[in-house]
Protein backbone atom coordinates (compact mmCIF):
# COMPACT_ATOMS: atom_id res chain seq x y z
CA UNK A 1 -1.52 -76.85 -54.48
CA UNK A 2 1.93 -75.36 -53.20
CA UNK A 3 0.72 -76.00 -49.49
CA UNK A 4 2.64 -78.44 -47.50
CA UNK A 5 0.42 -79.90 -44.89
CA UNK A 6 1.29 -82.67 -42.20
CA UNK A 7 -1.47 -82.44 -39.27
CA UNK A 8 -3.51 -84.82 -37.16
CA UNK A 9 -6.93 -84.52 -37.20
CA UNK A 10 -8.74 -84.20 -33.95
CA UNK A 11 -12.01 -83.41 -35.52
CA UNK A 12 -14.25 -82.35 -38.29
CA UNK A 13 -17.06 -80.30 -39.19
CA UNK A 14 -19.42 -77.98 -41.34
CA UNK A 15 -18.45 -74.31 -40.37
CA UNK A 16 -21.83 -72.57 -41.15
CA UNK A 17 -20.08 -69.20 -40.31
CA UNK A 18 -17.91 -69.67 -43.12
CA UNK A 19 -20.39 -70.62 -46.19
CA UNK A 20 -20.66 -74.22 -44.96
CA UNK A 21 -16.90 -75.00 -45.27
CA UNK A 22 -15.87 -78.40 -44.52
CA UNK A 23 -13.23 -78.13 -41.88
CA UNK A 24 -11.07 -80.02 -39.67
CA UNK A 25 -9.72 -79.19 -36.14
CA UNK A 26 -6.30 -80.37 -36.36
CA UNK A 27 -3.20 -80.84 -33.88
CA UNK A 28 -0.58 -78.32 -33.79
CA UNK A 29 3.00 -78.40 -32.50
CA UNK A 30 2.06 -76.74 -29.32
CA UNK A 31 -0.54 -79.15 -28.44
CA UNK A 32 -3.22 -76.71 -29.39
CA UNK A 33 -6.24 -77.21 -32.08
CA UNK A 34 -6.76 -74.97 -35.05
CA UNK A 35 -9.12 -74.71 -37.88
CA UNK A 36 -8.63 -76.36 -41.45
CA UNK A 37 -10.83 -75.57 -43.96
CA UNK A 38 -11.23 -77.46 -46.92
CA UNK A 39 -12.69 -76.56 -50.22
CA UNK A 40 -14.98 -78.57 -52.59
CA UNK A 41 -12.30 -80.03 -54.34
CA UNK A 42 -11.53 -82.25 -51.05
CA UNK A 43 -15.33 -83.68 -50.72
CA UNK A 44 -14.25 -87.18 -51.16
CA UNK A 45 -11.05 -86.58 -48.57
CA UNK A 46 -13.23 -84.94 -46.21
CA UNK A 47 -15.85 -87.86 -46.36
CA UNK A 48 -13.52 -90.39 -46.05
CA UNK A 49 -11.67 -88.38 -42.70
CA UNK A 50 -11.82 -89.18 -39.41
CA UNK A 51 -10.65 -88.24 -35.96
CA UNK A 52 -7.05 -89.63 -35.22
CA UNK A 53 -6.12 -89.75 -39.15
CA UNK A 54 -3.10 -87.79 -39.82
CA UNK A 55 -3.49 -85.82 -42.83
CA UNK A 56 -0.87 -85.15 -45.44
CA UNK A 57 0.23 -83.55 -48.57
CA UNK A 58 3.22 -82.60 -50.04
CA UNK A 59 3.77 -79.03 -52.09
CA UNK A 60 3.45 -79.06 -55.31
CA UNK A 61 1.45 -82.31 -55.02
CA UNK A 62 -2.01 -83.24 -56.23
CA UNK A 63 -2.49 -86.37 -53.68
CA UNK A 64 -3.53 -86.26 -50.07
CA UNK A 65 -2.68 -89.15 -47.81
CA UNK A 66 -5.17 -90.38 -44.92
CA UNK A 67 -2.90 -92.48 -42.61
CA UNK A 68 -4.82 -94.43 -40.20
CA UNK A 69 -4.14 -97.50 -38.05
CA UNK A 70 -0.67 -98.09 -40.60
CA UNK A 71 -2.96 -97.76 -43.57
CA UNK A 72 -2.33 -95.29 -46.65
CA UNK A 73 -5.71 -93.83 -47.90
CA UNK A 74 -4.72 -91.78 -51.26
CA UNK A 75 -6.59 -89.37 -52.76
CA UNK A 76 -6.10 -87.29 -56.34
CA UNK A 77 -7.65 -83.54 -55.20
CA UNK A 78 -9.97 -83.38 -58.24
CA UNK A 79 -10.26 -80.04 -59.82
CA UNK A 80 -13.10 -80.58 -61.73
CA UNK A 81 -12.69 -78.05 -65.08
CA UNK A 82 -15.38 -77.95 -67.79
CA UNK A 83 -14.16 -77.25 -70.91
CA UNK A 84 -15.46 -74.14 -72.38
CA UNK A 85 -17.61 -74.79 -75.63
CA UNK A 86 -19.61 -72.42 -77.39
CA UNK A 87 -22.69 -74.20 -76.12
CA UNK A 88 -21.73 -73.75 -72.54
CA UNK A 89 -21.82 -70.29 -73.08
CA UNK A 90 -25.45 -70.25 -74.38
């Protein structure tokens, strides 16, 4: 949640070497690409992302924005917590 992200997505893939982690290739400032792995809370973002999108997240925010052709697609990082009850512990 504390991370700030402002990257250009150049591609996406499932990193089979890293527990099948959904990952993006992103452009770095020096024009080289690097890998950015995302967790399962980002499933909807990963499914909607395309090469050429800007991936933006402000620090201390739960909103991730994909910018594509002047359109902002906002996603709320959905941390699905289950309430622990006595029935869950059985």
